[in-house]
Amino acid sequence: ADDQTDAIPMSSSSDSLSMSDEPDARATLPTPSDILVSYSTFPGYVSWRDTQSGSWYVETLDRILEENADTNDLVTMLMMVNHEVSQNSAKGLYKQMPGSFNFLRKLLYFQTQ
C-alpha cells in the first residue's frame, strides 16, 4: 500500500515538538499518545456547584474514585461520573454533561491498598 498523510503537522515557532515529531512519525507514536483529559462540562457551557458541597463534577469524581478504584479502570469510572452528573438538575431545569477525550492504549487501574 502507498500510504500518505491527510494533513501536514501544525507547527509554530514556539512549538518545539512539531518539528521533532515529523521525522519520528514512521518509527514511534505521535506525542499525544497515552493522554486522557476529562472536563466537568463541554466548552461554552457552565459547570454547576452546590454552595455547600462544591462542584458536582469534582465531588462525584472524588466519590466514584474512592468507591471504585480497587475494581474498575479509569475510563469506566469516568463514565460512571458522566452518568451521575448528567442526572443532576440545578433548579429543576439546568443540566451538566461532563466529557473527555482519550488517547490511552491500555486500561488504567490505580494501585490501592
C-alpha atoms as a PDB file:
ATOM      1  CA  ALA A   1       0.000   0.000   0.000  1.00  0.00           C
ATOM      2  CA  ASP A   2       1.111   3.528  -0.731  1.00  0.00           C
ATOM      3  CA  ASP A   3       0.098   5.355   2.470  1.00  0.00           C
ATOM      4  CA  GLN A   4       0.264   9.097   2.770  1.00  0.00           C
ATOM      5  CA  THR A   5      -0.778  11.672   5.358  1.00  0.00           C
ATOM      6  CA  ASP A   6      -4.066  13.548   5.218  1.00  0.00           C
ATOM      7  CA  ALA A   7      -2.550  16.727   6.628  1.00  0.00           C
ATOM      8  CA  ILE A   8       0.737  18.393   7.409  1.00  0.00           C
ATOM      9  CA  PRO A   9       1.583  18.589  11.147  1.00  0.00           C
ATOM     10  CA  MET A  10       0.869  22.022  12.617  1.00  0.00           C
ATOM     11  CA  SER A  11       3.884  23.937  13.813  1.00  0.00           C
ATOM     12  CA  SER A  12       4.733  27.361  15.101  1.00  0.00           C
ATOM     13  CA  SER A  13       7.938  28.982  16.186  1.00  0.00           C
ATOM     14  CA  SER A  14       7.046  28.219  19.833  1.00  0.00           C
ATOM     15  CA  ASP A  15       6.142  24.584  19.154  1.00  0.00           C
ATOM     16  CA  SER A  16       9.317  22.571  19.607  1.00  0.00           C
ATOM     17  CA  LEU A  17       7.546  19.206  19.409  1.00  0.00           C
ATOM     18  CA  SER A  18       6.060  19.533  15.915  1.00  0.00           C
ATOM     19  CA  MET A  19       9.397  19.617  14.144  1.00  0.00           C
ATOM     20  CA  SER A  20      10.796  16.729  16.172  1.00  0.00           C
ATOM     21  CA  ASP A  21       7.670  14.563  15.723  1.00  0.00           C
ATOM     22  CA  GLU A  22       7.694  14.567  11.933  1.00  0.00           C
ATOM     23  CA  PRO A  23      10.915  12.535  11.369  1.00  0.00           C
ATOM     24  CA  ASP A  24       9.902  10.038  14.096  1.00  0.00           C
ATOM     25  CA  ALA A  25       6.380   9.512  12.745  1.00  0.00           C
ATOM     26  CA  ARG A  26       7.465   6.355  10.925  1.00  0.00           C
ATOM     27  CA  ALA A  27       9.006   4.709  13.981  1.00  0.00           C
ATOM     28  CA  THR A  28       7.129   5.950  17.061  1.00  0.00           C
ATOM     29  CA  LEU A  29       3.707   7.038  18.244  1.00  0.00           C
ATOM     30  CA  PRO A  30       2.701  10.690  17.960  1.00  0.00           C
ATOM     31  CA  THR A  31       3.365  12.865  21.005  1.00  0.00           C
ATOM     32  CA  PRO A  32      -0.280  12.878  22.222  1.00  0.00           C
ATOM     33  CA  SER A  33      -0.468   9.128  22.859  1.00  0.00           C
ATOM     34  CA  ASP A  34      -1.325   7.859  26.356  1.00  0.00           C
ATOM     35  CA  ILE A  35      -3.180  11.016  27.371  1.00  0.00           C
ATOM     36  CA  LEU A  36      -6.657  11.317  28.853  1.00  0.00           C
ATOM     37  CA  VAL A  37      -8.315  14.686  29.507  1.00  0.00           C
ATOM     38  CA  SER A  38     -11.614  14.966  31.325  1.00  0.00           C
ATOM     39  CA  TYR A  39     -13.750  18.102  31.563  1.00  0.00           C
ATOM     40  CA  SER A  40     -16.512  18.962  34.014  1.00  0.00           C
ATOM     41  CA  THR A  41     -18.588  20.123  31.037  1.00  0.00           C
ATOM     42  CA  PHE A  42     -18.250  20.916  27.348  1.00  0.00           C
ATOM     43  CA  PRO A  43     -16.543  24.176  26.353  1.00  0.00           C
ATOM     44  CA  GLY A  44     -19.016  27.046  26.277  1.00  0.00           C
ATOM     45  CA  TYR A  45     -21.302  25.562  28.950  1.00  0.00           C
ATOM     46  CA  VAL A  46     -21.412  26.233  32.676  1.00  0.00           C
ATOM     47  CA  SER A  47     -20.181  23.855  35.343  1.00  0.00           C
ATOM     48  CA  TRP A  48     -22.528  23.710  38.329  1.00  0.00           C
ATOM     49  CA  ARG A  49     -21.641  23.573  42.011  1.00  0.00           C
ATOM     50  CA  ASP A  50     -23.537  23.335  45.242  1.00  0.00           C
ATOM     51  CA  THR A  51     -22.699  26.213  47.606  1.00  0.00           C
ATOM     52  CA  GLN A  52     -22.289  23.737  50.490  1.00  0.00           C
ATOM     53  CA  SER A  53     -20.774  20.595  48.976  1.00  0.00           C
ATOM     54  CA  GLY A  54     -18.954  22.049  45.945  1.00  0.00           C
ATOM     55  CA  SER A  55     -18.651  21.178  42.267  1.00  0.00           C
ATOM     56  CA  TRP A  56     -20.987  18.445  41.017  1.00  0.00           C
ATOM     57  CA  TYR A  57     -18.183  17.050  38.885  1.00  0.00           C
ATOM     58  CA  VAL A  58     -15.355  17.167  41.434  1.00  0.00           C
ATOM     59  CA  GLU A  59     -17.471  15.777  44.274  1.00  0.00           C
ATOM     60  CA  THR A  60     -18.821  12.953  42.086  1.00  0.00           C
ATOM     61  CA  LEU A  61     -15.368  12.156  40.674  1.00  0.00           C
ATOM     62  CA  ASP A  62     -13.879  12.025  44.171  1.00  0.00           C
ATOM     63  CA  ARG A  63     -16.588   9.678  45.449  1.00  0.00           C
ATOM     64  CA  ILE A  64     -16.530   7.390  42.389  1.00  0.00           C
ATOM     65  CA  LEU A  65     -12.726   7.070  42.565  1.00  0.00           C
ATOM     66  CA  GLU A  66     -12.844   6.367  46.301  1.00  0.00           C
ATOM     67  CA  GLU A  67     -15.566   3.716  45.961  1.00  0.00           C
ATOM     68  CA  ASN A  68     -14.432   2.006  42.741  1.00  0.00           C
ATOM     69  CA  ALA A  69     -10.676   2.436  42.205  1.00  0.00           C
ATOM     70  CA  ASP A  70      -9.927  -1.005  43.610  1.00  0.00           C
ATOM     71  CA  THR A  71     -12.063  -2.779  40.984  1.00  0.00           C
ATOM     72  CA  ASN A  72     -12.580  -0.543  37.929  1.00  0.00           C
ATOM     73  CA  ASP A  73     -10.388   1.125  35.324  1.00  0.00           C
ATOM     74  CA  LEU A  74     -10.275   4.922  34.960  1.00  0.00           C
ATOM     75  CA  VAL A  75     -12.340   5.179  31.755  1.00  0.00           C
ATOM     76  CA  THR A  76     -15.133   3.074  33.275  1.00  0.00           C
ATOM     77  CA  MET A  77     -15.131   5.275  36.378  1.00  0.00           C
ATOM     78  CA  LEU A  78     -15.282   8.432  34.249  1.00  0.00           C
ATOM     79  CA  MET A  79     -18.356   7.015  32.505  1.00  0.00           C
ATOM     80  CA  MET A  80     -19.903   6.470  35.953  1.00  0.00           C
ATOM     81  CA  VAL A  81     -19.141  10.113  36.774  1.00  0.00           C
ATOM     82  CA  ASN A  82     -20.659  11.250  33.456  1.00  0.00           C
ATOM     83  CA  HIS A  83     -23.831   9.295  34.155  1.00  0.00           C
ATOM     84  CA  GLU A  84     -24.264  10.567  37.724  1.00  0.00           C
ATOM     85  CA  VAL A  85     -23.521  14.206  36.933  1.00  0.00           C
ATOM     86  CA  SER A  86     -25.895  14.122  33.954  1.00  0.00           C
ATOM     87  CA  GLN A  87     -28.691  13.002  36.309  1.00  0.00           C
ATOM     88  CA  ASN A  88     -28.334  16.120  38.492  1.00  0.00           C
ATOM     89  CA  SER A  89     -30.536  19.133  37.898  1.00  0.00           C
ATOM     90  CA  ALA A  90     -29.962  22.711  39.044  1.00  0.00           C
ATOM     91  CA  LYS A  91     -33.178  24.494  39.978  1.00  0.00           C
ATOM     92  CA  GLY A  92     -35.086  21.617  38.359  1.00  0.00           C
ATOM     93  CA  LEU A  93     -34.144  22.927  34.941  1.00  0.00           C
ATOM     94  CA  TYR A  94     -30.394  23.046  34.218  1.00  0.00           C
ATOM     95  CA  LYS A  95     -28.201  20.054  33.450  1.00  0.00           C
ATOM     96  CA  GLN A  96     -24.485  19.404  33.073  1.00  0.00           C
ATOM     97  CA  MET A  97     -22.676  16.835  30.942  1.00  0.00           C
ATOM     98  CA  PRO A  98     -19.008  16.032  31.598  1.00  0.00           C
ATOM     99  CA  GLY A  99     -16.839  14.933  28.717  1.00  0.00           C
ATOM    100  CA  SER A 100     -13.378  13.646  27.926  1.00  0.00           C
ATOM    101  CA  PHE A 101     -11.063  12.677  25.146  1.00  0.00           C
ATOM    102  CA  ASN A 102      -8.936   9.610  25.433  1.00  0.00           C
ATOM    103  CA  PHE A 103      -5.717   8.577  23.722  1.00  0.00           C
ATOM    104  CA  LEU A 104      -4.928   5.776  26.164  1.00  0.00           C
ATOM    105  CA  ARG A 105      -3.778   2.485  24.649  1.00  0.00           C
ATOM    106  CA  LYS A 106      -4.441   0.312  27.674  1.00  0.00           C
ATOM    107  CA  LEU A 107      -6.799   0.172  30.625  1.00  0.00           C
ATOM    108  CA  LEU A 108      -5.541   2.300  33.505  1.00  0.00           C
ATOM    109  CA  TYR A 109      -6.010   0.962  37.031  1.00  0.00           C
ATOM    110  CA  PHE A 110      -4.997   2.665  40.268  1.00  0.00           C
ATOM    111  CA  GLN A 111      -2.957   0.738  42.791  1.00  0.00           C
ATOM    112  CA  THR A 112      -4.952   0.635  46.026  1.00  0.00           C
ATOM    113  CA  GLN A 113      -4.048  -0.680  49.479  1.00  0.00           C
END
